[in-house]
Amino acid sequence: MVRITSAITFLLTAALGVQAAATCQCLFQDGSHCCVYSDARGGAESCDDVCRGARRVTDNAACNANGKWSSVSAWNAQWRTGCAR
């Protein structure tokens, strides 16, 4: 019984920890992926504000979509290009 409770507690803690992080996928005007912004502090900034002036790290290309964004999971965000701040 203790092992089951420990396993459930671990899984809940991991799930809540992932949810606490804010992850925004900033988009280009045509809706394609520009860059991803992740913040471990959670929703300290809105994705609208983050993506409004976002630029891609690799080539400094401006997303230029007036804050257009979409949700992305933390798993998928780790494989995408980050945003320069």
C-alpha atoms as a PDB file:
ATOM      1  CA  MET A   1       0.000   0.000   0.000  1.00  0.00           C
ATOM      2  CA  VAL A   2       2.846   2.381   0.829  1.00  0.00           C
ATOM      3  CA  ARG A   3       4.476   1.735  -2.547  1.00  0.00           C
ATOM      4  CA  ILE A   4       1.257   2.520  -4.401  1.00  0.00           C
ATOM      5  CA  THR A   5       0.779   5.737  -2.429  1.00  0.00           C
ATOM      6  CA  SER A   6       4.386   6.753  -3.082  1.00  0.00           C
ATOM      7  CA  ALA A   7       4.024   6.110  -6.810  1.00  0.00           C
ATOM      8  CA  ILE A   8       0.793   8.111  -7.018  1.00  0.00           C
ATOM      9  CA  THR A   9       2.317  10.992  -5.049  1.00  0.00           C
ATOM     10  CA  PHE A  10       5.353  11.050  -7.339  1.00  0.00           C
ATOM     11  CA  LEU A  11       3.213  11.108 -10.495  1.00  0.00           C
ATOM     12  CA  LEU A  12       0.993  13.903  -9.176  1.00  0.00           C
ATOM     13  CA  THR A  13       4.020  15.972  -8.184  1.00  0.00           C
ATOM     14  CA  ALA A  14       5.583  15.530 -11.624  1.00  0.00           C
ATOM     15  CA  ALA A  15       2.345  16.456 -13.394  1.00  0.00           C
ATOM     16  CA  LEU A  16       1.813  19.572 -11.284  1.00  0.00           C
ATOM     17  CA  GLY A  17       5.424  20.639 -11.790  1.00  0.00           C
ATOM     18  CA  VAL A  18       5.040  20.531 -15.560  1.00  0.00           C
ATOM     19  CA  GLN A  19       1.809  22.530 -15.378  1.00  0.00           C
ATOM     20  CA  ALA A  20       3.516  25.257 -13.324  1.00  0.00           C
ATOM     21  CA  ALA A  21       5.813  26.172 -16.223  1.00  0.00           C
ATOM     22  CA  ALA A  22       4.601  28.577 -18.904  1.00  0.00           C
ATOM     23  CA  THR A  23       5.354  27.553 -22.489  1.00  0.00           C
ATOM     24  CA  CYS A  24       4.334  29.732 -25.442  1.00  0.00           C
ATOM     25  CA  GLN A  25       4.865  28.918 -29.112  1.00  0.00           C
ATOM     26  CA  CYS A  26       5.124  32.228 -30.970  1.00  0.00           C
ATOM     27  CA  LEU A  27       3.927  32.118 -34.571  1.00  0.00           C
ATOM     28  CA  PHE A  28       4.663  33.926 -37.829  1.00  0.00           C
ATOM     29  CA  GLN A  29       1.832  35.837 -39.539  1.00  0.00           C
ATOM     30  CA  ASP A  30       0.990  32.779 -41.667  1.00  0.00           C
ATOM     31  CA  GLY A  31       0.556  30.659 -38.514  1.00  0.00           C
ATOM     32  CA  SER A  32       3.766  28.661 -38.884  1.00  0.00           C
ATOM     33  CA  HIS A  33       6.114  28.118 -35.932  1.00  0.00           C
ATOM     34  CA  CYS A  34       8.552  30.934 -35.177  1.00  0.00           C
ATOM     35  CA  CYS A  35       9.978  30.153 -31.732  1.00  0.00           C
ATOM     36  CA  VAL A  36       9.157  28.823 -28.265  1.00  0.00           C
ATOM     37  CA  TYR A  37       9.399  30.686 -24.965  1.00  0.00           C
ATOM     38  CA  SER A  38       9.528  28.746 -21.690  1.00  0.00           C
ATOM     39  CA  ASP A  39       9.447  30.166 -18.183  1.00  0.00           C
ATOM     40  CA  ALA A  40       9.764  27.937 -15.135  1.00  0.00           C
ATOM     41  CA  ARG A  41       8.101  30.596 -12.951  1.00  0.00           C
ATOM     42  CA  GLY A  42       4.730  29.843 -14.507  1.00  0.00           C
ATOM     43  CA  GLY A  43       2.435  32.478 -15.933  1.00  0.00           C
ATOM     44  CA  ALA A  44       4.509  35.487 -14.852  1.00  0.00           C
ATOM     45  CA  GLU A  45       4.052  37.002 -18.327  1.00  0.00           C
ATOM     46  CA  SER A  46       1.214  36.459 -20.756  1.00  0.00           C
ATOM     47  CA  CYS A  47       2.012  34.705 -24.018  1.00  0.00           C
ATOM     48  CA  ASP A  48       0.546  37.705 -25.873  1.00  0.00           C
ATOM     49  CA  ASP A  49       3.178  39.996 -24.345  1.00  0.00           C
ATOM     50  CA  VAL A  50       6.022  37.510 -24.793  1.00  0.00           C
ATOM     51  CA  CYS A  51       5.250  36.864 -28.463  1.00  0.00           C
ATOM     52  CA  ARG A  52       4.531  40.491 -29.390  1.00  0.00           C
ATOM     53  CA  GLY A  53       8.238  41.303 -29.774  1.00  0.00           C
ATOM     54  CA  ALA A  54       9.627  37.788 -30.101  1.00  0.00           C
ATOM     55  CA  ARG A  55      12.591  36.941 -32.314  1.00  0.00           C
ATOM     56  CA  ARG A  56      14.017  33.546 -33.178  1.00  0.00           C
ATOM     57  CA  VAL A  57      17.367  32.828 -31.481  1.00  0.00           C
ATOM     58  CA  THR A  58      19.069  31.131 -34.442  1.00  0.00           C
ATOM     59  CA  ASP A  59      18.754  33.881 -37.053  1.00  0.00           C
ATOM     60  CA  ASN A  60      17.175  36.778 -35.101  1.00  0.00           C
ATOM     61  CA  ALA A  61      14.146  36.699 -37.424  1.00  0.00           C
ATOM     62  CA  ALA A  62      11.199  38.639 -36.025  1.00  0.00           C
ATOM     63  CA  CYS A  63       8.000  36.650 -35.653  1.00  0.00           C
ATOM     64  CA  ASN A  64       6.154  39.840 -36.602  1.00  0.00           C
ATOM     65  CA  ALA A  65       2.649  38.510 -35.903  1.00  0.00           C
ATOM     66  CA  ASN A  66       1.580  41.035 -33.236  1.00  0.00           C
ATOM     67  CA  GLY A  67       1.658  38.499 -30.414  1.00  0.00           C
ATOM     68  CA  LYS A  68       0.070  35.552 -32.228  1.00  0.00           C
ATOM     69  CA  TRP A  69       0.805  32.306 -30.358  1.00  0.00           C
ATOM     70  CA  SER A  70      -0.386  28.777 -29.713  1.00  0.00           C
ATOM     71  CA  SER A  71      -0.022  26.289 -26.887  1.00  0.00           C
ATOM     72  CA  VAL A  72       2.760  23.734 -26.990  1.00  0.00           C
ATOM     73  CA  SER A  73       3.599  20.986 -24.538  1.00  0.00           C
ATOM     74  CA  ALA A  74       6.832  21.102 -22.567  1.00  0.00           C
ATOM     75  CA  TRP A  75       7.853  17.862 -24.303  1.00  0.00           C
ATOM     76  CA  ASN A  76       7.509  19.355 -27.806  1.00  0.00           C
ATOM     77  CA  ALA A  77       8.959  22.715 -26.762  1.00  0.00           C
ATOM     78  CA  GLN A  78      12.335  21.167 -25.983  1.00  0.00           C
ATOM     79  CA  TRP A  79      12.788  20.247 -29.673  1.00  0.00           C
ATOM     80  CA  ARG A  80      11.829  23.696 -31.045  1.00  0.00           C
ATOM     81  CA  THR A  81      13.888  26.842 -31.604  1.00  0.00           C
ATOM     82  CA  GLY A  82      13.846  29.234 -28.655  1.00  0.00           C
ATOM     83  CA  CYS A  83      12.882  32.892 -28.606  1.00  0.00           C
ATOM     84  CA  ALA A  84      15.390  35.679 -27.972  1.00  0.00           C
ATOM     85  CA  ARG A  85      14.259  38.127 -25.321  1.00  0.00           C
END
